[in-house]
Amino acid sequence: MAGIEKLKLREVLEEIEMSRAAFYRLRARGEAPKLIKLPNGQLRCRRTDLDAWWAKHEISA
């Protein structure tokens, strides 16, 4: 897993062009990309999970 790119939440928000508040609303509905919570409380998203999220929304759009 060390070779898999992990994005900071800030990077994810920039890429999907979404505010933090909107992202957390999406997350509350179970529609956000999968996140990893680190022991220090920070959140990360695997590049593969974000790409899968993009693909899912391209199909349904």
C-alpha atoms as a PDB file:
ATOM      1  CA  MET A   1       0.000   0.000   0.000  1.00  0.00           C
ATOM      2  CA  ALA A   2       3.013   2.265   0.334  1.00  0.00           C
ATOM      3  CA  GLY A   3       3.152   2.698  -3.460  1.00  0.00           C
ATOM      4  CA  ILE A   4      -0.456   3.881  -3.761  1.00  0.00           C
ATOM      5  CA  GLU A   5      -0.866   7.639  -3.994  1.00  0.00           C
ATOM      6  CA  LYS A   6      -2.847   9.062  -1.087  1.00  0.00           C
ATOM      7  CA  LEU A   7      -4.337  12.541  -1.403  1.00  0.00           C
ATOM      8  CA  LYS A   8      -4.970  14.982   1.409  1.00  0.00           C
ATOM      9  CA  LEU A   9      -8.571  16.101   1.797  1.00  0.00           C
ATOM     10  CA  ARG A  10      -7.569  19.581   0.585  1.00  0.00           C
ATOM     11  CA  GLU A  11      -6.240  18.039  -2.635  1.00  0.00           C
ATOM     12  CA  VAL A  12      -9.433  16.045  -3.151  1.00  0.00           C
ATOM     13  CA  LEU A  13     -11.564  19.156  -2.624  1.00  0.00           C
ATOM     14  CA  GLU A  14      -9.481  21.101  -5.140  1.00  0.00           C
ATOM     15  CA  GLU A  15      -9.754  18.350  -7.742  1.00  0.00           C
ATOM     16  CA  ILE A  16     -13.505  17.906  -7.446  1.00  0.00           C
ATOM     17  CA  GLU A  17     -14.021  21.665  -7.031  1.00  0.00           C
ATOM     18  CA  MET A  18     -16.154  21.324  -3.926  1.00  0.00           C
ATOM     19  CA  SER A  19     -16.240  23.116  -0.593  1.00  0.00           C
ATOM     20  CA  ARG A  20     -15.428  21.237   2.594  1.00  0.00           C
ATOM     21  CA  ALA A  21     -19.027  21.710   3.823  1.00  0.00           C
ATOM     22  CA  ALA A  22     -20.508  20.325   0.593  1.00  0.00           C
ATOM     23  CA  PHE A  23     -18.096  17.389   0.727  1.00  0.00           C
ATOM     24  CA  TYR A  24     -19.141  16.520   4.270  1.00  0.00           C
ATOM     25  CA  ARG A  25     -22.823  16.669   3.250  1.00  0.00           C
ATOM     26  CA  LEU A  26     -22.003  14.282   0.402  1.00  0.00           C
ATOM     27  CA  ARG A  27     -20.120  12.068   2.844  1.00  0.00           C
ATOM     28  CA  ALA A  28     -23.075  12.042   5.288  1.00  0.00           C
ATOM     29  CA  ARG A  29     -25.252  10.702   2.447  1.00  0.00           C
ATOM     30  CA  GLY A  30     -22.662   8.001   1.694  1.00  0.00           C
ATOM     31  CA  GLU A  31     -21.899   9.443  -1.751  1.00  0.00           C
ATOM     32  CA  ALA A  32     -18.337  10.735  -1.252  1.00  0.00           C
ATOM     33  CA  PRO A  33     -15.130   8.956  -2.244  1.00  0.00           C
ATOM     34  CA  LYS A  34     -13.814   6.494   0.336  1.00  0.00           C
ATOM     35  CA  LEU A  35     -11.514   8.065   2.913  1.00  0.00           C
ATOM     36  CA  ILE A  36      -8.872   6.707   5.262  1.00  0.00           C
ATOM     37  CA  LYS A  37      -8.661   8.190   8.753  1.00  0.00           C
ATOM     38  CA  LEU A  38      -5.093   8.221  10.026  1.00  0.00           C
ATOM     39  CA  PRO A  39      -4.237   7.732  13.728  1.00  0.00           C
ATOM     40  CA  ASN A  40      -3.601  11.483  14.009  1.00  0.00           C
ATOM     41  CA  GLY A  41      -7.149  12.216  12.772  1.00  0.00           C
ATOM     42  CA  GLN A  42      -6.164  13.416   9.305  1.00  0.00           C
ATOM     43  CA  LEU A  43      -8.048  12.099   6.287  1.00  0.00           C
ATOM     44  CA  ARG A  44      -6.573  10.676   3.097  1.00  0.00           C
ATOM     45  CA  CYS A  45      -8.104   9.374  -0.103  1.00  0.00           C
ATOM     46  CA  ARG A  46      -6.432   6.769  -2.281  1.00  0.00           C
ATOM     47  CA  ARG A  47      -6.030   7.932  -5.888  1.00  0.00           C
ATOM     48  CA  THR A  48      -7.686   4.690  -6.998  1.00  0.00           C
ATOM     49  CA  ASP A  49     -10.753   5.399  -4.819  1.00  0.00           C
ATOM     50  CA  LEU A  50     -11.080   8.940  -6.169  1.00  0.00           C
ATOM     51  CA  ASP A  51     -10.718   7.712  -9.755  1.00  0.00           C
ATOM     52  CA  ALA A  52     -13.416   5.079  -9.112  1.00  0.00           C
ATOM     53  CA  TRP A  53     -15.686   7.791  -7.687  1.00  0.00           C
ATOM     54  CA  TRP A  54     -15.152   9.902 -10.833  1.00  0.00           C
ATOM     55  CA  ALA A  55     -15.931   6.892 -13.064  1.00  0.00           C
ATOM     56  CA  LYS A  56     -19.124   6.118 -11.137  1.00  0.00           C
ATOM     57  CA  HIS A  57     -20.382   9.643 -11.658  1.00  0.00           C
ATOM     58  CA  GLU A  58     -19.449   9.768 -15.326  1.00  0.00           C
ATOM     59  CA  ILE A  59     -21.656   6.761 -16.013  1.00  0.00           C
ATOM     60  CA  SER A  60     -24.669   8.084 -14.118  1.00  0.00           C
ATOM     61  CA  ALA A  61     -24.432  11.634 -15.486  1.00  0.00           C
END
